[in-house]
N, C-alpha and C. Protein backbone atom coordinates (compact mmCIF):
# COMPACT_ATOMS: atom_id res chain seq x y z
N UNK A 1 -45.94 212.98 133.80
CA UNK A 1 -44.97 213.06 132.73
C UNK A 1 -44.66 211.64 132.24
N UNK A 2 -44.80 211.40 130.95
CA UNK A 2 -44.47 210.08 130.41
C UNK A 2 -43.07 210.11 129.81
N UNK A 3 -42.39 208.99 129.97
CA UNK A 3 -41.03 208.87 129.45
C UNK A 3 -41.07 207.95 128.25
N UNK A 4 -40.56 208.41 127.11
CA UNK A 4 -40.51 207.61 125.90
C UNK A 4 -39.11 207.05 125.76
N UNK A 5 -38.97 205.75 125.95
CA UNK A 5 -37.65 205.12 125.88
C UNK A 5 -37.27 204.74 124.45
N UNK A 6 -38.22 204.75 123.52
CA UNK A 6 -37.97 204.29 122.15
C UNK A 6 -37.21 205.37 121.39
N UNK A 7 -35.93 205.16 121.13
CA UNK A 7 -35.13 206.20 120.46
C UNK A 7 -35.66 206.55 119.07
N UNK A 8 -35.54 207.81 118.73
CA UNK A 8 -36.04 208.31 117.45
C UNK A 8 -35.43 207.61 116.24
N UNK A 9 -34.14 207.27 116.30
CA UNK A 9 -33.51 206.61 115.15
C UNK A 9 -34.10 205.22 114.92
N UNK A 10 -34.55 204.56 115.98
CA UNK A 10 -35.17 203.25 115.83
C UNK A 10 -36.55 203.38 115.17
N UNK A 11 -37.30 204.37 115.57
CA UNK A 11 -38.62 204.60 114.98
C UNK A 11 -38.48 204.96 113.50
N UNK A 12 -37.50 205.83 113.20
CA UNK A 12 -37.27 206.23 111.81
C UNK A 12 -36.90 205.02 110.95
N UNK A 13 -35.99 204.19 111.46
CA UNK A 13 -35.56 203.01 110.72
C UNK A 13 -36.72 202.04 110.51
N UNK A 14 -37.53 201.85 111.53
CA UNK A 14 -38.69 200.96 111.42
C UNK A 14 -39.63 201.43 110.32
N UNK A 15 -39.89 202.72 110.26
CA UNK A 15 -40.75 203.27 109.21
C UNK A 15 -40.15 203.07 107.83
N UNK A 16 -38.83 203.26 107.71
CA UNK A 16 -38.16 203.07 106.43
C UNK A 16 -38.21 201.61 105.99
N UNK A 17 -38.06 200.69 106.93
CA UNK A 17 -38.14 199.26 106.59
C UNK A 17 -39.53 198.94 106.05
N UNK A 18 -40.55 199.42 106.73
CA UNK A 18 -41.93 199.17 106.30
C UNK A 18 -42.17 199.75 104.91
N UNK A 19 -41.68 200.97 104.66
CA UNK A 19 -41.88 201.62 103.36
C UNK A 19 -41.15 200.90 102.23
N UNK A 20 -39.95 200.39 102.51
CA UNK A 20 -39.10 199.82 101.46
C UNK A 20 -39.18 198.30 101.36
N UNK A 21 -39.94 197.65 102.19
CA UNK A 21 -39.98 196.20 102.22
C UNK A 21 -40.44 195.60 100.89
N UNK A 22 -41.29 196.29 100.18
CA UNK A 22 -41.76 195.76 98.89
C UNK A 22 -40.67 195.78 97.82
N UNK A 23 -39.54 196.41 98.09
CA UNK A 23 -38.44 196.49 97.13
C UNK A 23 -37.44 195.33 97.26
N UNK A 24 -37.59 194.52 98.32
CA UNK A 24 -36.62 193.45 98.56
C UNK A 24 -37.28 192.08 98.51
N UNK A 25 -36.49 191.09 98.14
CA UNK A 25 -36.96 189.71 98.10
C UNK A 25 -36.57 188.94 99.35
N UNK A 26 -35.47 189.35 99.99
CA UNK A 26 -34.93 188.63 101.13
C UNK A 26 -34.56 189.63 102.22
N UNK A 27 -34.86 189.29 103.45
CA UNK A 27 -34.51 190.12 104.59
C UNK A 27 -33.34 189.46 105.31
N UNK A 28 -32.25 190.21 105.52
CA UNK A 28 -31.12 189.74 106.30
C UNK A 28 -31.23 190.36 107.68
N UNK A 29 -31.21 189.53 108.70
CA UNK A 29 -31.27 190.01 110.06
C UNK A 29 -29.98 189.62 110.76
N UNK A 30 -29.22 190.61 111.18
CA UNK A 30 -27.93 190.39 111.83
C UNK A 30 -28.12 190.48 113.34
N UNK A 31 -27.83 189.38 114.03
CA UNK A 31 -27.98 189.32 115.48
C UNK A 31 -26.65 189.00 116.13
N UNK A 32 -26.49 189.43 117.36
CA UNK A 32 -25.30 189.10 118.14
C UNK A 32 -25.45 187.66 118.63
N UNK A 33 -24.52 186.79 118.28
CA UNK A 33 -24.60 185.37 118.63
C UNK A 33 -24.59 185.15 120.14
N UNK A 34 -24.04 186.09 120.88
CA UNK A 34 -23.98 185.93 122.33
C UNK A 34 -25.32 186.24 123.00
N UNK A 35 -26.13 187.09 122.35
CA UNK A 35 -27.44 187.48 122.91
C UNK A 35 -28.46 187.65 121.79
N UNK A 36 -28.75 186.59 121.03
CA UNK A 36 -29.58 186.76 119.84
C UNK A 36 -30.98 187.31 120.09
N UNK A 37 -31.65 186.86 121.11
CA UNK A 37 -33.01 187.36 121.33
C UNK A 37 -32.99 188.80 121.85
N UNK A 38 -32.00 189.12 122.65
CA UNK A 38 -31.90 190.49 123.16
C UNK A 38 -31.49 191.48 122.08
N UNK A 39 -30.76 191.02 121.08
CA UNK A 39 -30.33 191.92 120.01
C UNK A 39 -31.31 191.97 118.85
N UNK A 40 -32.40 191.23 118.97
CA UNK A 40 -33.40 191.17 117.90
C UNK A 40 -34.51 192.20 118.16
N UNK A 41 -34.89 192.90 117.11
CA UNK A 41 -36.02 193.82 117.21
C UNK A 41 -37.29 192.98 117.27
N UNK A 42 -38.09 193.14 118.33
CA UNK A 42 -39.27 192.28 118.48
C UNK A 42 -40.34 192.51 117.42
N UNK A 43 -40.25 193.60 116.66
CA UNK A 43 -41.24 193.89 115.63
C UNK A 43 -40.90 193.30 114.26
N UNK A 44 -39.67 192.84 114.08
CA UNK A 44 -39.22 192.41 112.76
C UNK A 44 -40.07 191.29 112.18
N UNK A 45 -40.36 190.26 112.96
CA UNK A 45 -41.15 189.13 112.43
C UNK A 45 -42.50 189.60 111.90
N UNK A 46 -43.15 190.48 112.63
CA UNK A 46 -44.45 191.00 112.20
C UNK A 46 -44.30 191.87 110.96
N UNK A 47 -43.26 192.67 110.93
CA UNK A 47 -43.05 193.60 109.81
C UNK A 47 -42.75 192.85 108.52
N UNK A 48 -41.87 191.85 108.56
CA UNK A 48 -41.46 191.19 107.32
C UNK A 48 -42.47 190.17 106.85
N UNK A 49 -43.34 189.71 107.73
CA UNK A 49 -44.39 188.78 107.30
C UNK A 49 -43.80 187.50 106.74
N UNK A 50 -44.18 187.17 105.49
CA UNK A 50 -43.73 185.91 104.90
C UNK A 50 -42.58 186.08 103.91
N UNK A 51 -41.85 187.19 103.99
CA UNK A 51 -40.66 187.35 103.16
C UNK A 51 -39.61 186.31 103.57
N UNK A 52 -38.77 185.91 102.62
CA UNK A 52 -37.65 185.03 102.96
C UNK A 52 -36.79 185.77 103.97
N UNK A 53 -36.37 185.03 104.99
CA UNK A 53 -35.72 185.65 106.14
C UNK A 53 -34.45 184.88 106.46
N UNK A 54 -33.33 185.57 106.41
CA UNK A 54 -32.04 184.95 106.72
C UNK A 54 -31.50 185.59 107.99
N UNK A 55 -31.21 184.76 108.97
CA UNK A 55 -30.64 185.22 110.23
C UNK A 55 -29.15 184.95 110.22
N UNK A 56 -28.37 185.98 110.50
CA UNK A 56 -26.92 185.83 110.59
C UNK A 56 -26.52 186.07 112.04
N UNK A 57 -25.83 185.11 112.64
CA UNK A 57 -25.35 185.27 114.00
C UNK A 57 -23.93 185.80 113.97
N UNK A 58 -23.80 187.10 114.17
CA UNK A 58 -22.50 187.74 114.19
C UNK A 58 -21.78 187.44 115.50
N UNK A 59 -20.47 187.45 115.47
CA UNK A 59 -19.62 187.19 116.63
C UNK A 59 -19.81 185.78 117.16
N UNK A 60 -20.12 184.85 116.27
CA UNK A 60 -20.32 183.47 116.71
C UNK A 60 -19.04 182.87 117.29
N UNK A 61 -17.90 183.41 116.90
CA UNK A 61 -16.63 182.93 117.44
C UNK A 61 -16.46 183.33 118.91
N UNK A 62 -17.22 184.33 119.37
CA UNK A 62 -17.13 184.77 120.75
C UNK A 62 -18.17 184.09 121.65
N UNK A 63 -19.08 183.37 121.04
CA UNK A 63 -20.12 182.66 121.79
C UNK A 63 -19.71 181.20 121.97
N UNK A 64 -20.30 180.56 122.95
CA UNK A 64 -20.05 179.13 123.17
C UNK A 64 -20.63 178.33 122.01
N UNK A 65 -19.86 177.38 121.49
CA UNK A 65 -20.32 176.60 120.33
C UNK A 65 -21.58 175.80 120.65
N UNK A 66 -21.69 175.31 121.88
CA UNK A 66 -22.91 174.57 122.25
C UNK A 66 -24.12 175.49 122.19
N UNK A 67 -23.96 176.72 122.60
CA UNK A 67 -25.06 177.68 122.53
C UNK A 67 -25.37 178.05 121.08
N UNK A 68 -24.32 178.20 120.26
CA UNK A 68 -24.54 178.47 118.84
C UNK A 68 -25.42 177.39 118.22
N UNK A 69 -25.12 176.14 118.53
CA UNK A 69 -25.90 175.03 117.98
C UNK A 69 -27.35 175.09 118.43
N UNK A 70 -27.57 175.44 119.69
CA UNK A 70 -28.94 175.56 120.20
C UNK A 70 -29.69 176.69 119.50
N UNK A 71 -29.01 177.80 119.28
CA UNK A 71 -29.67 178.92 118.59
C UNK A 71 -29.96 178.57 117.13
N UNK A 72 -29.06 177.84 116.50
CA UNK A 72 -29.31 177.41 115.12
C UNK A 72 -30.56 176.56 115.07
N UNK A 73 -30.69 175.61 115.99
CA UNK A 73 -31.89 174.78 116.06
C UNK A 73 -33.13 175.63 116.31
N UNK A 74 -33.03 176.56 117.22
CA UNK A 74 -34.16 177.42 117.57
C UNK A 74 -34.64 178.22 116.36
N UNK A 75 -33.73 178.93 115.70
CA UNK A 75 -34.13 179.78 114.59
C UNK A 75 -34.58 178.97 113.38
N UNK A 76 -33.94 177.84 113.11
CA UNK A 76 -34.34 177.02 111.98
C UNK A 76 -35.67 176.31 112.21
N UNK A 77 -36.08 176.18 113.44
CA UNK A 77 -37.33 175.48 113.73
C UNK A 77 -38.57 176.29 113.34
N UNK A 78 -38.40 177.59 113.07
CA UNK A 78 -39.58 178.40 112.72
C UNK A 78 -39.99 178.22 111.26
N UNK A 79 -39.17 177.54 110.46
CA UNK A 79 -39.56 177.23 109.09
C UNK A 79 -39.44 178.36 108.10
N UNK A 80 -39.09 179.54 108.53
CA UNK A 80 -39.01 180.67 107.60
C UNK A 80 -37.62 181.28 107.54
N UNK A 81 -36.68 180.71 108.28
CA UNK A 81 -35.35 181.31 108.35
C UNK A 81 -34.29 180.33 107.88
N UNK A 82 -33.26 180.88 107.32
CA UNK A 82 -32.02 180.15 107.12
C UNK A 82 -31.05 180.83 108.07
N UNK A 83 -30.27 180.07 108.76
CA UNK A 83 -29.39 180.67 109.75
C UNK A 83 -27.95 180.33 109.45
N UNK A 84 -27.08 181.30 109.65
CA UNK A 84 -25.66 181.06 109.47
C UNK A 84 -24.89 181.82 110.53
N UNK A 85 -23.69 181.34 110.80
CA UNK A 85 -22.82 181.99 111.77
C UNK A 85 -21.76 182.78 111.01
N UNK A 86 -21.37 183.92 111.58
CA UNK A 86 -20.25 184.67 111.02
C UNK A 86 -19.30 185.09 112.14
N UNK A 87 -18.04 185.10 111.81
CA UNK A 87 -17.00 185.41 112.79
C UNK A 87 -16.81 186.92 112.89
N UNK A 88 -16.40 187.36 114.06
CA UNK A 88 -16.13 188.78 114.25
C UNK A 88 -14.72 189.16 113.82
N UNK A 89 -13.87 188.17 113.55
CA UNK A 89 -12.47 188.51 113.28
C UNK A 89 -11.94 188.04 111.94
N UNK A 90 -12.62 187.15 111.27
CA UNK A 90 -12.06 186.59 110.03
C UNK A 90 -12.09 187.59 108.88
N UNK A 91 -13.25 188.22 108.64
CA UNK A 91 -13.41 189.14 107.52
C UNK A 91 -14.03 190.43 108.01
N UNK A 92 -14.12 191.38 107.11
CA UNK A 92 -14.91 192.57 107.41
C UNK A 92 -16.38 192.14 107.52
N UNK A 93 -17.24 192.94 108.16
CA UNK A 93 -18.65 192.55 108.29
C UNK A 93 -19.32 192.23 106.95
N UNK A 94 -19.04 193.00 105.91
CA UNK A 94 -19.66 192.75 104.61
C UNK A 94 -19.27 191.38 104.08
N UNK A 95 -17.97 191.09 104.06
CA UNK A 95 -17.51 189.82 103.51
C UNK A 95 -17.89 188.67 104.40
N UNK A 96 -18.02 188.90 105.70
CA UNK A 96 -18.50 187.85 106.59
C UNK A 96 -19.92 187.44 106.23
N UNK A 97 -20.76 188.41 105.91
CA UNK A 97 -22.14 188.11 105.51
C UNK A 97 -22.16 187.33 104.20
N UNK A 98 -21.39 187.77 103.22
CA UNK A 98 -21.33 187.08 101.93
C UNK A 98 -20.84 185.65 102.13
N UNK A 99 -19.79 185.47 102.90
CA UNK A 99 -19.25 184.14 103.18
C UNK A 99 -20.31 183.26 103.85
N UNK A 100 -21.01 183.82 104.83
CA UNK A 100 -22.00 183.04 105.57
C UNK A 100 -23.16 182.60 104.67
N UNK A 101 -23.54 183.43 103.73
CA UNK A 101 -24.66 183.09 102.85
C UNK A 101 -24.34 181.93 101.93
N UNK A 102 -23.05 181.73 101.64
CA UNK A 102 -22.67 180.68 100.72
C UNK A 102 -21.97 179.50 101.41
N UNK A 103 -21.95 179.50 102.74
CA UNK A 103 -21.29 178.43 103.48
C UNK A 103 -22.30 177.60 104.23
N UNK A 104 -22.13 176.29 104.18
CA UNK A 104 -23.02 175.43 104.98
C UNK A 104 -22.66 175.55 106.45
N UNK A 105 -23.63 175.29 107.31
CA UNK A 105 -23.34 175.25 108.74
C UNK A 105 -22.62 173.99 108.99
């Protein structure tokens, strides 16, 4: 008996991203600042290819600032991402994303 750990909603979303990717110019990837690599879908880089890619570190106010700086360096070093931090408490998630896109690090 094989056990499939990949939840159906994740597979469905992955298929929808692949189908709709040609409709977008920029991909926003929202990651948890406390565990960015663990909260990242490992297939996203392959799926989005060379599309402009913006990484938003959510809950950056709950992570150590020294770690935030290291993650900013890490993600910006790949040459295809712009990275910004967003707070979990200042604004609603939508407005936090908008604020982060227009704010310098």
